[in-house]
Amino acid sequence: SRQLLTLVLWPQVWQRQLPAAAATGC
């Protein structure tokens, strides 16, 4: 589960959601 999260899921989630996360931070 840890490898699935760090190697497969999180890199994609970070990139896809960066605009929405940045807007939320602002």
PDB file of all heavy atoms in Angstrom:
ATOM      1  N   SER A   1       0.833  -1.214   0.000  1.00  0.00           N
ATOM      2  CA  SER A   1       0.000   0.000   0.000  1.00  0.00           C
ATOM      3  C   SER A   1       0.861   1.255   0.000  1.00  0.00           C
ATOM      4  O   SER A   1       0.542   2.246  -0.667  1.00  0.00           O
ATOM      5  CB  SER A   1      -0.925  -0.004   1.222  1.00  0.00           C
ATOM      6  OG  SER A   1      -1.845  -1.063   1.155  1.00  0.00           O
ATOM      7  N   ARG A   2       1.964   1.210   0.737  1.00  0.00           N
ATOM      8  CA  ARG A   2       2.860   2.362   0.776  1.00  0.00           C
ATOM      9  C   ARG A   2       3.490   2.606  -0.589  1.00  0.00           C
ATOM     10  O   ARG A   2       3.574   3.756  -1.047  1.00  0.00           O
ATOM     11  CB  ARG A   2       3.935   2.136   1.828  1.00  0.00           C
ATOM     12  CG  ARG A   2       4.916   3.290   1.967  1.00  0.00           C
ATOM     13  CD  ARG A   2       5.907   3.027   3.074  1.00  0.00           C
ATOM     14  NE  ARG A   2       6.851   4.132   3.217  1.00  0.00           N
ATOM     15  CZ  ARG A   2       7.822   4.165   4.119  1.00  0.00           C
ATOM     16  NH1 ARG A   2       7.968   3.154   4.975  1.00  0.00           N
ATOM     17  NH2 ARG A   2       8.639   5.199   4.178  1.00  0.00           N
ATOM     18  N   GLN A   3       3.936   1.552  -1.234  1.00  0.00           N
ATOM     19  CA  GLN A   3       4.529   1.704  -2.569  1.00  0.00           C
ATOM     20  C   GLN A   3       3.491   2.159  -3.582  1.00  0.00           C
ATOM     21  O   GLN A   3       3.781   2.986  -4.458  1.00  0.00           O
ATOM     22  CB  GLN A   3       5.155   0.381  -3.007  1.00  0.00           C
ATOM     23  CG  GLN A   3       6.394  -0.009  -2.218  1.00  0.00           C
ATOM     24  CD  GLN A   3       6.880  -1.409  -2.555  1.00  0.00           C
ATOM     25  OE1 GLN A   3       6.067  -2.330  -2.734  1.00  0.00           O
ATOM     26  NE2 GLN A   3       8.187  -1.568  -2.656  1.00  0.00           N
ATOM     27  N   LEU A   4       2.282   1.625  -3.467  1.00  0.00           N
ATOM     28  CA  LEU A   4       1.202   2.058  -4.353  1.00  0.00           C
ATOM     29  C   LEU A   4       0.959   3.545  -4.213  1.00  0.00           C
ATOM     30  O   LEU A   4       0.796   4.275  -5.215  1.00  0.00           O
ATOM     31  CB  LEU A   4      -0.072   1.280  -4.016  1.00  0.00           C
ATOM     32  CG  LEU A   4      -1.380   1.770  -4.653  1.00  0.00           C
ATOM     33  CD1 LEU A   4      -1.320   1.652  -6.168  1.00  0.00           C
ATOM     34  CD2 LEU A   4      -2.571   0.994  -4.088  1.00  0.00           C
ATOM     35  N   LEU A   5       0.968   4.020  -2.968  1.00  0.00           N
ATOM     36  CA  LEU A   5       0.703   5.432  -2.712  1.00  0.00           C
ATOM     37  C   LEU A   5       1.830   6.324  -3.221  1.00  0.00           C
ATOM     38  O   LEU A   5       1.594   7.314  -3.921  1.00  0.00           O
ATOM     39  CB  LEU A   5       0.494   5.645  -1.215  1.00  0.00           C
ATOM     40  CG  LEU A   5       0.202   7.067  -0.748  1.00  0.00           C
ATOM     41  CD1 LEU A   5      -1.091   7.579  -1.351  1.00  0.00           C
ATOM     42  CD2 LEU A   5       0.140   7.124   0.766  1.00  0.00           C
ATOM     43  N   THR A   6       3.062   5.986  -2.869  1.00  0.00           N
ATOM     44  CA  THR A   6       4.189   6.872  -3.162  1.00  0.00           C
ATOM     45  C   THR A   6       4.678   6.775  -4.603  1.00  0.00           C
ATOM     46  O   THR A   6       5.181   7.774  -5.152  1.00  0.00           O
ATOM     47  CB  THR A   6       5.359   6.566  -2.212  1.00  0.00           C
ATOM     48  OG1 THR A   6       5.743   5.181  -2.349  1.00  0.00           O
ATOM     49  CG2 THR A   6       4.968   6.838  -0.767  1.00  0.00           C
ATOM     50  N   LEU A   7       4.552   5.606  -5.228  1.00  0.00           N
ATOM     51  CA  LEU A   7       5.110   5.409  -6.562  1.00  0.00           C
ATOM     52  C   LEU A   7       4.085   5.558  -7.689  1.00  0.00           C
ATOM     53  O   LEU A   7       4.442   5.920  -8.812  1.00  0.00           O
ATOM     54  CB  LEU A   7       5.762   4.023  -6.668  1.00  0.00           C
ATOM     55  CG  LEU A   7       6.920   3.754  -5.693  1.00  0.00           C
ATOM     56  CD1 LEU A   7       7.424   2.335  -5.859  1.00  0.00           C
ATOM     57  CD2 LEU A   7       8.045   4.756  -5.897  1.00  0.00           C
ATOM     58  N   VAL A   8       2.826   5.270  -7.376  1.00  0.00           N
ATOM     59  CA  VAL A   8       1.810   5.259  -8.427  1.00  0.00           C
ATOM     60  C   VAL A   8       0.807   6.402  -8.269  1.00  0.00           C
ATOM     61  O   VAL A   8       0.578   7.186  -9.200  1.00  0.00           O
ATOM     62  CB  VAL A   8       1.060   3.909  -8.450  1.00  0.00           C
ATOM     63  CG1 VAL A   8      -0.020   3.916  -9.532  1.00  0.00           C
ATOM     64  CG2 VAL A   8       2.038   2.766  -8.681  1.00  0.00           C
ATOM     65  N   LEU A   9       0.210   6.508  -7.086  1.00  0.00           N
ATOM     66  CA  LEU A   9      -0.908   7.428  -6.905  1.00  0.00           C
ATOM     67  C   LEU A   9      -0.470   8.869  -6.686  1.00  0.00           C
ATOM     68  O   LEU A   9      -0.909   9.783  -7.395  1.00  0.00           O
ATOM     69  CB  LEU A   9      -1.777   6.959  -5.732  1.00  0.00           C
ATOM     70  CG  LEU A   9      -2.401   5.564  -5.860  1.00  0.00           C
ATOM     71  CD1 LEU A   9      -3.140   5.199  -4.579  1.00  0.00           C
ATOM     72  CD2 LEU A   9      -3.342   5.517  -7.049  1.00  0.00           C
ATOM     73  N   TRP A  10       0.376   9.096  -5.680  1.00  0.00           N
ATOM     74  CA  TRP A  10       0.676  10.459  -5.276  1.00  0.00           C
ATOM     75  C   TRP A  10       1.315  11.311  -6.371  1.00  0.00           C
ATOM     76  O   TRP A  10       0.940  12.483  -6.524  1.00  0.00           O
ATOM     77  CB  TRP A  10       1.542  10.470  -4.017  1.00  0.00           C
ATOM     78  CG  TRP A  10       1.902  11.851  -3.594  1.00  0.00           C
ATOM     79  CD1 TRP A  10       3.139  12.431  -3.584  1.00  0.00           C
ATOM     80  CD2 TRP A  10       0.999  12.882  -3.148  1.00  0.00           C
ATOM     81  NE1 TRP A  10       3.074  13.730  -3.156  1.00  0.00           N
ATOM     82  CE2 TRP A  10       1.769  14.031  -2.881  1.00  0.00           C
ATOM     83  CE3 TRP A  10      -0.385  12.924  -2.955  1.00  0.00           C
ATOM     84  CZ2 TRP A  10       1.207  15.213  -2.431  1.00  0.00           C
ATOM     85  CZ3 TRP A  10      -0.953  14.115  -2.509  1.00  0.00           C
ATOM     86  CH2 TRP A  10      -0.164  15.237  -2.248  1.00  0.00           C
ATOM     87  N   PRO A  11       2.275  10.806  -7.142  1.00  0.00           N
ATOM     88  CA  PRO A  11       2.827  11.665  -8.209  1.00  0.00           C
ATOM     89  C   PRO A  11       1.770  12.190  -9.171  1.00  0.00           C
ATOM     90  O   PRO A  11       1.839  13.339  -9.620  1.00  0.00           O
ATOM     91  CB  PRO A  11       3.823  10.731  -8.927  1.00  0.00           C
ATOM     92  CG  PRO A  11       4.213   9.734  -7.880  1.00  0.00           C
ATOM     93  CD  PRO A  11       2.968   9.507  -7.078  1.00  0.00           C
ATOM     94  N   GLN A  12       0.782  11.362  -9.483  1.00  0.00           N
ATOM     95  CA  GLN A  12      -0.276  11.803 -10.388  1.00  0.00           C
ATOM     96  C   GLN A  12      -1.219  12.784  -9.700  1.00  0.00           C
ATOM     97  O   GLN A  12      -1.624  13.795 -10.293  1.00  0.00           O
ATOM     98  CB  GLN A  12      -1.077  10.597 -10.884  1.00  0.00           C
ATOM     99  CG  GLN A  12      -0.261   9.594 -11.677  1.00  0.00           C
ATOM    100  CD  GLN A  12      -1.113   8.441 -12.125  1.00  0.00           C
ATOM    101  OE1 GLN A  12      -1.922   8.551 -13.049  1.00  0.00           O
ATOM    102  NE2 GLN A  12      -0.948   7.299 -11.468  1.00  0.00           N
ATOM    103  N   VAL A  13      -1.570  12.496  -8.452  1.00  0.00           N
ATOM    104  CA  VAL A  13      -2.483  13.375  -7.712  1.00  0.00           C
ATOM    105  C   VAL A  13      -1.854  14.747  -7.510  1.00  0.00           C
ATOM    106  O   VAL A  13      -2.509  15.786  -7.688  1.00  0.00           O
ATOM    107  CB  VAL A  13      -2.847  12.743  -6.355  1.00  0.00           C
ATOM    108  CG1 VAL A  13      -3.621  13.735  -5.481  1.00  0.00           C
ATOM    109  CG2 VAL A  13      -3.680  11.480  -6.560  1.00  0.00           C
ATOM    110  N   TRP A  14      -0.578  14.780  -7.144  1.00  0.00           N
ATOM    111  CA  TRP A  14       0.114  16.054  -6.941  1.00  0.00           C
ATOM    112  C   TRP A  14       0.059  16.917  -8.193  1.00  0.00           C
ATOM    113  O   TRP A  14      -0.244  18.102  -8.131  1.00  0.00           O
ATOM    114  CB  TRP A  14       1.558  15.787  -6.536  1.00  0.00           C
ATOM    115  CG  TRP A  14       2.448  16.980  -6.665  1.00  0.00           C
ATOM    116  CD1 TRP A  14       3.346  17.244  -7.654  1.00  0.00           C
ATOM    117  CD2 TRP A  14       2.510  18.104  -5.776  1.00  0.00           C
ATOM    118  NE1 TRP A  14       3.972  18.444  -7.442  1.00  0.00           N
ATOM    119  CE2 TRP A  14       3.487  19.003  -6.302  1.00  0.00           C
ATOM    120  CE3 TRP A  14       1.847  18.438  -4.594  1.00  0.00           C
ATOM    121  CZ2 TRP A  14       3.795  20.204  -5.672  1.00  0.00           C
ATOM    122  CZ3 TRP A  14       2.168  19.645  -3.978  1.00  0.00           C
ATOM    123  CH2 TRP A  14       3.124  20.502  -4.513  1.00  0.00           C
ATOM    124  N   GLN A  15       0.355  16.317  -9.337  1.00  0.00           N
ATOM    125  CA  GLN A  15       0.391  17.076 -10.578  1.00  0.00           C
ATOM    126  C   GLN A  15      -1.002  17.519 -11.017  1.00  0.00           C
ATOM    127  O   GLN A  15      -1.204  18.666 -11.412  1.00  0.00           O
ATOM    128  CB  GLN A  15       1.041  16.246 -11.675  1.00  0.00           C
ATOM    129  CG  GLN A  15       1.284  17.005 -12.972  1.00  0.00           C
ATOM    130  CD  GLN A  15       2.008  16.167 -13.994  1.00  0.00           C
ATOM    131  OE1 GLN A  15       1.695  14.997 -14.171  1.00  0.00           O
ATOM    132  NE2 GLN A  15       2.980  16.752 -14.670  1.00  0.00           N
ATOM    133  N   ARG A  16      -1.971  16.626 -10.920  1.00  0.00           N
ATOM    134  CA  ARG A  16      -3.320  16.952 -11.379  1.00  0.00           C
ATOM    135  C   ARG A  16      -3.987  18.006 -10.527  1.00  0.00           C
ATOM    136  O   ARG A  16      -4.737  18.843 -11.028  1.00  0.00           O
ATOM    137  CB  ARG A  16      -4.188  15.687 -11.382  1.00  0.00           C
ATOM    138  CG  ARG A  16      -3.788  14.641 -12.393  1.00  0.00           C
ATOM    139  CD  ARG A  16      -4.723  13.448 -12.334  1.00  0.00           C
ATOM    140  NE  ARG A  16      -4.316  12.397 -13.263  1.00  0.00           N
ATOM    141  CZ  ARG A  16      -5.014  11.295 -13.494  1.00  0.00           C
ATOM    142  NH1 ARG A  16      -6.174  11.102 -12.875  1.00  0.00           N
ATOM    143  NH2 ARG A  16      -4.575  10.396 -14.347  1.00  0.00           N
ATOM    144  N   GLN A  17      -3.728  17.974  -9.227  1.00  0.00           N
ATOM    145  CA  GLN A  17      -4.467  18.837  -8.309  1.00  0.00           C
ATOM    146  C   GLN A  17      -3.703  20.092  -7.913  1.00  0.00           C
ATOM    147  O   GLN A  17      -4.194  20.864  -7.083  1.00  0.00           O
ATOM    148  CB  GLN A  17      -4.840  18.052  -7.046  1.00  0.00           C
ATOM    149  CG  GLN A  17      -5.725  16.835  -7.314  1.00  0.00           C
ATOM    150  CD  GLN A  17      -6.963  17.190  -8.106  1.00  0.00           C
ATOM    151  OE1 GLN A  17      -7.070  16.871  -9.282  1.00  0.00           O
ATOM    152  NE2 GLN A  17      -7.896  17.875  -7.467  1.00  0.00           N
ATOM    153  N   LEU A  18      -2.545  20.319  -8.483  1.00  0.00           N
ATOM    154  CA  LEU A  18      -1.779  21.507  -8.111  1.00  0.00           C
ATOM    155  C   LEU A  18      -2.541  22.805  -8.340  1.00  0.00           C
ATOM    156  O   LEU A  18      -2.540  23.683  -7.465  1.00  0.00           O
ATOM    157  CB  LEU A  18      -0.444  21.525  -8.859  1.00  0.00           C
ATOM    158  CG  LEU A  18       0.478  22.706  -8.534  1.00  0.00           C
ATOM    159  CD1 LEU A  18       0.807  22.750  -7.041  1.00  0.00           C
ATOM    160  CD2 LEU A  18       1.764  22.628  -9.352  1.00  0.00           C
ATOM    161  N   PRO A  19      -3.212  23.015  -9.484  1.00  0.00           N
ATOM    162  CA  PRO A  19      -3.962  24.275  -9.650  1.00  0.00           C
ATOM    163  C   PRO A  19      -5.036  24.478  -8.588  1.00  0.00           C
ATOM    164  O   PRO A  19      -5.180  25.581  -8.038  1.00  0.00           O
ATOM    165  CB  PRO A  19      -4.571  24.139 -11.053  1.00  0.00           C
ATOM    166  CG  PRO A  19      -3.669  23.182 -11.769  1.00  0.00           C
ATOM    167  CD  PRO A  19      -3.229  22.207 -10.726  1.00  0.00           C
ATOM    168  N   ALA A  20      -5.795  23.424  -8.295  1.00  0.00           N
ATOM    169  CA  ALA A  20      -6.855  23.547  -7.293  1.00  0.00           C
ATOM    170  C   ALA A  20      -6.265  23.766  -5.901  1.00  0.00           C
ATOM    171  O   ALA A  20      -6.797  24.561  -5.112  1.00  0.00           O
ATOM    172  CB  ALA A  20      -7.734  22.296  -7.296  1.00  0.00           C
ATOM    173  N   ALA A  21      -5.159  23.094  -5.596  1.00  0.00           N
ATOM    174  CA  ALA A  21      -4.521  23.276  -4.290  1.00  0.00           C
ATOM    175  C   ALA A  21      -3.962  24.679  -4.157  1.00  0.00           C
ATOM    176  O   ALA A  21      -4.062  25.310  -3.090  1.00  0.00           O
ATOM    177  CB  ALA A  21      -3.421  22.233  -4.096  1.00  0.00           C
ATOM    178  N   ALA A  22      -3.361  25.210  -5.222  1.00  0.00           N
ATOM    179  CA  ALA A  22      -2.826  26.569  -5.194  1.00  0.00           C
ATOM    180  C   ALA A  22      -3.939  27.594  -4.979  1.00  0.00           C
ATOM    181  O   ALA A  22      -3.783  28.546  -4.203  1.00  0.00           O
ATOM    182  CB  ALA A  22      -2.080  26.862  -6.490  1.00  0.00           C
ATOM    183  N   ALA A  23      -5.063  27.391  -5.650  1.00  0.00           N
ATOM    184  CA  ALA A  23      -6.198  28.298  -5.482  1.00  0.00           C
ATOM    185  C   ALA A  23      -6.727  28.255  -4.053  1.00  0.00           C
ATOM    186  O   ALA A  23      -7.091  29.286  -3.477  1.00  0.00           O
ATOM    187  CB  ALA A  23      -7.309  27.943  -6.469  1.00  0.00           C
ATOM    188  N   THR A  24      -6.755  27.060  -3.471  1.00  0.00           N
ATOM    189  CA  THR A  24      -7.215  26.924  -2.091  1.00  0.00           C
ATOM    190  C   THR A  24      -6.265  27.616  -1.135  1.00  0.00           C
ATOM    191  O   THR A  24      -6.691  28.273  -0.174  1.00  0.00           O
ATOM    192  CB  THR A  24      -7.346  25.439  -1.722  1.00  0.00           C
ATOM    193  OG1 THR A  24      -8.264  24.802  -2.617  1.00  0.00           O
ATOM    194  CG2 THR A  24      -7.847  25.269  -0.292  1.00  0.00           C
ATOM    195  N   GLY A  25      -4.963  27.503  -1.383  1.00  0.00           N
ATOM    196  CA  GLY A  25      -3.993  28.184  -0.541  1.00  0.00           C
ATOM    197  C   GLY A  25      -4.143  29.692  -0.597  1.00  0.00           C
ATOM    198  O   GLY A  25      -4.090  30.375   0.433  1.00  0.00           O
ATOM    199  N   CYS A  26      -4.332  30.230  -1.805  1.00  0.00           N
ATOM    200  CA  CYS A  26      -4.558  31.680  -1.952  1.00  0.00           C
ATOM    201  C   CYS A  26      -5.827  32.110  -1.239  1.00  0.00           C
ATOM    202  O   CYS A  26      -5.872  33.171  -0.598  1.00  0.00           O
ATOM    203  CB  CYS A  26      -4.627  32.043  -3.435  1.00  0.00           C
ATOM    204  SG  CYS A  26      -3.061  31.976  -4.306  1.00  0.00           S
TER     205      CYS A  26
END
